[in-house]
N, C-alpha and C. Protein backbone atom coordinates (compact mmCIF):
# COMPACT_ATOMS: atom_id res chain seq x y z
N MET A 1 -12.28 -25.12 -149.27
CA MET A 1 -12.89 -24.25 -150.05
C MET A 1 -11.54 -24.00 -151.27
N GLU A 2 -11.76 -24.24 -152.50
CA GLU A 2 -10.93 -24.11 -153.38
C GLU A 2 -11.14 -22.69 -154.42
N LEU A 3 -10.08 -22.26 -154.90
CA LEU A 3 -10.70 -20.78 -155.64
C LEU A 3 -9.59 -21.31 -156.91
N LYS A 4 -10.07 -20.93 -158.21
CA LYS A 4 -9.05 -20.83 -159.06
C LYS A 4 -9.73 -19.90 -160.14
N THR A 5 -8.85 -19.17 -160.97
CA THR A 5 -9.13 -18.08 -161.85
C THR A 5 -8.53 -18.55 -163.26
N LYS A 6 -9.44 -17.47 -164.21
CA LYS A 6 -9.47 -17.69 -165.37
C LYS A 6 -9.71 -16.36 -166.03
N LYS A 7 -8.68 -15.78 -167.01
CA LYS A 7 -8.87 -14.17 -167.47
C LYS A 7 -9.00 -14.27 -168.68
N ILE A 8 -10.80 -13.51 -168.95
CA ILE A 8 -11.11 -13.38 -170.06
C ILE A 8 -11.32 -11.81 -170.68
N ASN A 9 -10.65 -11.60 -171.46
CA ASN A 9 -10.39 -9.99 -171.51
C ASN A 9 -9.93 -9.28 -170.13
N ASN A 10 -10.86 -8.40 -169.98
CA ASN A 10 -10.41 -7.62 -168.79
C ASN A 10 -11.39 -7.96 -167.58
N VAL A 11 -11.62 -9.46 -167.60
CA VAL A 11 -12.42 -9.81 -166.71
C VAL A 11 -11.90 -11.01 -166.06
N ILE A 12 -11.85 -11.00 -164.66
CA ILE A 12 -10.83 -12.45 -163.83
C ILE A 12 -12.37 -13.25 -163.41
N VAL A 13 -12.41 -14.50 -164.14
CA VAL A 13 -13.49 -15.18 -163.68
C VAL A 13 -12.86 -15.85 -162.30
N ILE A 14 -13.69 -16.05 -161.48
CA ILE A 14 -12.97 -16.63 -160.11
C ILE A 14 -14.43 -17.96 -159.74
N TYR A 15 -13.30 -19.19 -159.87
CA TYR A 15 -14.21 -20.18 -159.85
C TYR A 15 -14.03 -20.67 -158.01
N LEU A 16 -15.10 -20.60 -157.39
CA LEU A 16 -15.08 -20.95 -155.84
C LEU A 16 -15.82 -22.40 -155.93
N ASN A 17 -15.06 -23.05 -155.09
CA ASN A 17 -15.53 -24.79 -154.89
C ASN A 17 -15.73 -25.03 -153.11
N GLY A 18 -16.66 -25.44 -152.78
CA GLY A 18 -16.66 -26.34 -151.67
C GLY A 18 -17.59 -25.48 -150.98
N LYS A 19 -17.48 -25.21 -149.46
CA LYS A 19 -17.98 -24.64 -148.54
C LYS A 19 -17.53 -23.45 -148.13
N LEU A 20 -18.09 -22.21 -148.40
CA LEU A 20 -18.03 -20.69 -148.07
C LEU A 20 -18.13 -20.68 -146.58
N ASP A 21 -17.56 -21.15 -145.73
CA ASP A 21 -17.81 -20.76 -144.43
C ASP A 21 -16.97 -19.90 -143.45
N VAL A 22 -17.21 -19.94 -142.30
CA VAL A 22 -16.13 -19.20 -141.59
C VAL A 22 -14.81 -19.33 -141.32
N HIS A 23 -14.84 -20.78 -141.44
CA HIS A 23 -13.45 -21.27 -141.61
C HIS A 23 -12.41 -20.83 -142.93
N ALA A 24 -13.30 -20.87 -144.00
CA ALA A 24 -12.35 -20.59 -145.18
C ALA A 24 -12.76 -19.21 -145.54
N SER A 25 -13.40 -18.60 -145.07
CA SER A 25 -13.79 -16.92 -145.47
C SER A 25 -12.48 -15.90 -145.56
N ALA A 26 -12.08 -15.94 -144.61
CA ALA A 26 -10.71 -15.14 -144.27
C ALA A 26 -9.76 -15.63 -145.22
N ASP A 27 -9.34 -16.74 -145.79
CA ASP A 27 -8.30 -17.13 -146.80
C ASP A 27 -9.19 -16.60 -148.23
N ILE A 28 -10.32 -17.08 -148.34
CA ILE A 28 -10.73 -16.64 -149.94
C ILE A 28 -10.86 -14.91 -149.74
N GLU A 29 -11.28 -14.23 -148.58
CA GLU A 29 -11.09 -12.76 -148.84
C GLU A 29 -9.87 -12.37 -149.12
N LYS A 30 -8.68 -12.96 -148.47
CA LYS A 30 -7.52 -12.70 -148.98
C LYS A 30 -7.13 -13.00 -150.15
N GLU A 31 -7.23 -13.83 -150.81
CA GLU A 31 -6.92 -14.67 -152.26
C GLU A 31 -7.81 -13.40 -153.38
N ILE A 32 -9.06 -13.15 -152.78
CA ILE A 32 -9.54 -11.93 -153.68
C ILE A 32 -9.30 -10.79 -153.91
N ASN A 33 -8.92 -10.39 -152.77
CA ASN A 33 -8.14 -8.83 -152.54
C ASN A 33 -6.81 -8.97 -153.32
N LYS A 34 -6.28 -10.09 -153.11
CA LYS A 34 -4.95 -10.09 -154.10
C LYS A 34 -5.07 -10.05 -155.52
N ILE A 35 -6.19 -10.82 -156.00
CA ILE A 35 -6.31 -10.84 -157.46
C ILE A 35 -6.69 -9.29 -157.83
N ILE A 36 -7.55 -8.56 -156.94
CA ILE A 36 -8.02 -7.17 -157.33
C ILE A 36 -6.79 -6.45 -157.23
N LYS A 37 -6.03 -6.44 -156.37
CA LYS A 37 -4.49 -5.47 -156.65
C LYS A 37 -3.67 -5.78 -157.63
N GLN A 38 -3.55 -7.49 -158.11
CA GLN A 38 -2.63 -7.56 -159.11
C GLN A 38 -3.15 -7.37 -160.41
N GLU A 39 -4.57 -7.13 -160.69
CA GLU A 39 -5.43 -6.84 -161.80
C GLU A 39 -5.83 -5.43 -162.03
N PRO A 40 -5.06 -4.17 -161.70
CA PRO A 40 -5.83 -3.37 -161.18
C PRO A 40 -6.78 -2.59 -162.12
N SER A 41 -7.24 -3.12 -163.36
CA SER A 41 -8.00 -2.69 -164.72
C SER A 41 -8.93 -3.59 -164.81
N SER A 42 -9.06 -4.75 -164.23
CA SER A 42 -10.13 -6.15 -164.77
C SER A 42 -11.24 -5.56 -163.38
N HIS A 43 -12.44 -6.39 -164.18
CA HIS A 43 -13.45 -6.52 -163.60
C HIS A 43 -13.65 -7.96 -163.07
N LEU A 44 -14.36 -8.40 -161.84
CA LEU A 44 -14.50 -9.48 -161.35
C LEU A 44 -15.70 -10.35 -161.71
N LEU A 45 -15.85 -11.61 -161.99
CA LEU A 45 -16.83 -12.30 -161.90
C LEU A 45 -16.55 -13.82 -160.99
N LEU A 46 -17.70 -14.04 -160.21
CA LEU A 46 -17.46 -14.86 -159.24
C LEU A 46 -18.29 -16.25 -159.70
N ASN A 47 -17.95 -17.42 -160.27
CA ASN A 47 -18.71 -18.32 -160.63
C ASN A 47 -18.82 -19.27 -159.46
N LEU A 48 -20.20 -19.43 -158.82
CA LEU A 48 -20.45 -20.01 -157.87
C LEU A 48 -21.03 -21.39 -157.83
N ALA A 49 -21.17 -22.03 -159.02
CA ALA A 49 -21.80 -23.15 -159.26
C ALA A 49 -21.24 -24.32 -158.68
N GLN A 50 -20.17 -24.09 -158.05
CA GLN A 50 -19.31 -25.52 -157.12
C GLN A 50 -19.52 -25.02 -155.41
N VAL A 51 -20.23 -24.09 -155.29
CA VAL A 51 -20.30 -23.58 -154.00
C VAL A 51 -21.44 -24.23 -153.57
N GLU A 52 -21.47 -25.21 -152.56
CA GLU A 52 -21.98 -26.16 -151.80
C GLU A 52 -23.11 -25.58 -150.72
N TYR A 53 -22.38 -24.43 -149.81
CA TYR A 53 -22.91 -23.61 -148.67
C TYR A 53 -22.17 -22.70 -148.58
N MET A 54 -23.21 -21.60 -148.15
CA MET A 54 -22.40 -20.31 -147.99
C MET A 54 -22.82 -19.87 -146.37
N SER A 55 -22.00 -19.39 -145.49
CA SER A 55 -22.40 -18.50 -144.61
C SER A 55 -22.71 -17.20 -144.50
N SER A 56 -22.79 -16.42 -143.65
CA SER A 56 -23.16 -15.09 -143.42
C SER A 56 -21.66 -14.42 -143.91
N SER A 57 -20.56 -15.11 -143.70
CA SER A 57 -19.00 -14.45 -143.45
C SER A 57 -19.14 -14.74 -145.06
N GLY A 58 -19.34 -15.64 -145.70
CA GLY A 58 -18.81 -15.69 -147.34
C GLY A 58 -19.71 -14.48 -147.93
N LEU A 59 -21.06 -14.19 -147.44
CA LEU A 59 -21.67 -12.99 -147.88
C LEU A 59 -21.10 -11.60 -147.66
N ARG A 60 -20.44 -11.49 -146.45
CA ARG A 60 -19.63 -10.53 -146.14
C ARG A 60 -18.68 -10.30 -147.17
N ILE A 61 -17.89 -11.31 -147.71
CA ILE A 61 -16.76 -11.10 -148.60
C ILE A 61 -17.09 -10.56 -149.90
N PHE A 62 -18.43 -10.86 -150.36
CA PHE A 62 -18.85 -10.44 -151.59
C PHE A 62 -18.98 -9.12 -151.58
N VAL A 63 -19.73 -8.70 -150.09
CA VAL A 63 -20.26 -7.00 -149.87
C VAL A 63 -19.04 -6.17 -150.09
N SER A 64 -17.97 -6.63 -149.16
CA SER A 64 -16.86 -5.90 -149.11
C SER A 64 -16.20 -5.97 -150.36
N THR A 65 -16.17 -7.10 -151.11
CA THR A 65 -15.42 -7.22 -152.69
C THR A 65 -16.00 -5.87 -153.46
N MET A 66 -17.38 -5.97 -153.53
CA MET A 66 -18.32 -5.18 -154.27
C MET A 66 -17.66 -3.57 -154.01
N ARG A 67 -17.93 -3.27 -152.99
CA ARG A 67 -17.33 -1.80 -152.50
C ARG A 67 -16.07 -1.51 -152.88
N ILE A 68 -15.23 -2.46 -152.71
CA ILE A 68 -13.64 -2.24 -153.11
C ILE A 68 -13.73 -1.75 -154.79
N LEU A 69 -14.34 -2.74 -155.38
CA LEU A 69 -14.47 -2.53 -156.75
C LEU A 69 -15.28 -1.45 -157.37
N LYS A 70 -16.38 -1.13 -156.52
CA LYS A 70 -17.21 -0.21 -156.97
C LYS A 70 -16.36 1.43 -156.83
N GLU A 71 -15.46 1.75 -155.72
CA GLU A 71 -14.80 2.54 -155.61
C GLU A 71 -13.77 3.23 -156.62
N ALA A 72 -13.34 1.79 -157.07
CA ALA A 72 -12.31 1.55 -158.22
C ALA A 72 -13.13 1.75 -159.73
N LYS A 73 -14.07 1.95 -159.70
CA LYS A 73 -15.11 2.03 -160.80
C LYS A 73 -14.98 0.70 -161.88
N ARG A 74 -14.72 -0.21 -161.13
CA ARG A 74 -14.93 -1.61 -161.38
C ARG A 74 -15.94 -2.71 -161.11
N LYS A 75 -16.40 -3.58 -161.86
CA LYS A 75 -17.76 -4.24 -161.90
C LYS A 75 -17.29 -5.69 -161.13
N LEU A 76 -18.36 -6.12 -160.21
CA LEU A 76 -18.62 -7.15 -159.81
C LEU A 76 -19.78 -8.17 -160.17
N LYS A 77 -19.54 -9.30 -160.83
CA LYS A 77 -20.95 -9.89 -161.27
C LYS A 77 -20.57 -11.46 -160.67
N LEU A 78 -21.70 -11.60 -160.16
CA LEU A 78 -22.00 -13.21 -159.76
C LEU A 78 -22.68 -14.23 -160.82
N CYS A 79 -22.36 -15.53 -160.73
CA CYS A 79 -23.01 -16.12 -161.69
C CYS A 79 -23.57 -17.50 -161.37
N ALA A 80 -24.29 -18.56 -161.81
CA ALA A 80 -24.26 -19.94 -161.59
C ALA A 80 -24.28 -20.19 -160.05
N MET A 81 -25.39 -19.62 -159.54
CA MET A 81 -25.41 -19.82 -157.94
C MET A 81 -26.75 -21.19 -158.08
N ASN A 82 -26.47 -22.11 -156.93
CA ASN A 82 -27.41 -23.23 -157.12
C ASN A 82 -28.50 -22.56 -156.17
N ASN A 83 -29.38 -23.35 -156.23
CA ASN A 83 -30.97 -22.86 -155.34
C ASN A 83 -30.72 -22.65 -154.01
N ALA A 84 -29.46 -23.13 -153.43
CA ALA A 84 -29.52 -23.04 -151.56
C ALA A 84 -28.70 -21.91 -151.69
N VAL A 85 -27.80 -21.14 -152.22
CA VAL A 85 -27.06 -20.14 -152.27
C VAL A 85 -27.93 -19.11 -152.53
N LYS A 86 -28.77 -19.22 -153.52
CA LYS A 86 -29.46 -18.24 -154.01
C LYS A 86 -30.62 -17.84 -152.69
N LYS A 87 -30.74 -18.79 -152.29
CA LYS A 87 -31.84 -18.82 -151.24
C LYS A 87 -31.52 -17.80 -150.41
N ILE A 88 -29.96 -17.74 -149.97
CA ILE A 88 -29.31 -17.25 -148.65
C ILE A 88 -29.46 -15.52 -149.10
N PHE A 89 -29.21 -15.59 -150.49
CA PHE A 89 -29.08 -13.85 -151.05
C PHE A 89 -30.73 -13.37 -150.72
N GLU A 90 -31.25 -13.96 -151.26
CA GLU A 90 -32.96 -13.93 -150.93
C GLU A 90 -33.65 -13.45 -149.68
N VAL A 91 -32.90 -14.29 -148.61
CA VAL A 91 -33.33 -14.28 -147.40
C VAL A 91 -32.69 -12.85 -146.71
N VAL A 92 -31.55 -12.64 -147.15
CA VAL A 92 -30.99 -11.58 -146.63
C VAL A 92 -31.29 -10.22 -147.59
N GLU A 93 -32.02 -10.55 -148.59
CA GLU A 93 -32.28 -9.31 -149.13
C GLU A 93 -31.06 -8.54 -150.21
N LEU A 94 -30.32 -9.49 -150.55
CA LEU A 94 -28.81 -8.97 -151.53
C LEU A 94 -29.12 -8.91 -152.82
N MET A 95 -30.07 -9.59 -153.02
CA MET A 95 -30.58 -9.89 -154.81
C MET A 95 -30.33 -8.88 -155.40
N ASP A 96 -30.80 -7.56 -155.17
CA ASP A 96 -30.83 -6.29 -155.81
C ASP A 96 -29.33 -5.71 -155.64
N MET A 97 -28.93 -5.77 -154.92
CA MET A 97 -27.34 -5.66 -154.69
C MET A 97 -26.78 -5.73 -155.61
N PHE A 98 -26.82 -7.04 -156.10
CA PHE A 98 -25.23 -7.36 -156.82
C PHE A 98 -26.41 -7.83 -158.28
N SER A 99 -25.44 -7.80 -159.32
CA SER A 99 -25.53 -8.34 -160.78
C SER A 99 -25.42 -9.99 -160.75
N ILE A 100 -26.50 -10.49 -160.76
CA ILE A 100 -26.72 -11.87 -160.59
C ILE A 100 -26.93 -12.72 -162.07
N TYR A 101 -26.24 -13.59 -162.73
CA TYR A 101 -26.73 -14.24 -164.10
C TYR A 101 -26.81 -15.78 -163.68
N ASP A 102 -27.55 -16.30 -164.48
CA ASP A 102 -27.58 -17.50 -164.70
C ASP A 102 -26.39 -18.37 -164.79
N THR A 103 -25.84 -17.86 -166.17
CA THR A 103 -24.59 -18.72 -166.73
C THR A 103 -23.45 -17.34 -166.81
N GLU A 104 -22.38 -18.29 -166.75
CA GLU A 104 -20.96 -17.21 -166.73
C GLU A 104 -20.96 -16.59 -168.27
N GLU A 105 -21.81 -17.26 -169.53
CA GLU A 105 -21.74 -16.87 -170.54
C GLU A 105 -22.56 -15.35 -170.76
N ASP A 106 -23.64 -15.47 -169.86
CA ASP A 106 -24.61 -14.46 -169.94
C ASP A 106 -23.84 -13.44 -169.28
N ALA A 107 -23.15 -13.21 -168.10
CA ALA A 107 -22.48 -12.55 -167.52
C ALA A 107 -21.20 -11.68 -168.05
N LEU A 108 -20.49 -12.44 -169.05
CA LEU A 108 -19.32 -11.99 -169.72
C LEU A 108 -19.99 -11.32 -170.71
N LYS A 109 -20.97 -11.70 -171.37
CA LYS A 109 -21.68 -10.76 -172.25
C LYS A 109 -21.87 -9.39 -171.93
N ASP A 110 -22.43 -9.12 -170.36
CA ASP A 110 -22.82 -8.01 -170.12
C ASP A 110 -21.60 -6.75 -169.27
N PHE A 111 -20.43 -7.35 -169.45
CA PHE A 111 -19.59 -6.37 -168.88
C PHE A 111 -19.09 -5.38 -169.81
């Protein structure tokens, strides 16, 4: 699992690439938490276009990240999910919990 970032105005776009499973989730969570601390006034956008697989441990990262940001009055948005990842969100009924967009552009317009 790879993680790359790009800053656009006050939004950090995080690009995840690979399988977000139990083996990768601890490292990814540490990286995301580090970004949250380093950019105390920025919102986060997770671009999931290159995520091939996601386990429940990956979902847990998103939920905990959202809680951390919400407490700080910051936003988390998700974009570009493939159908397999979207299905996981639907099955565990998390679609309404997150702001999810088809494209990165749509998500960025809504910050």
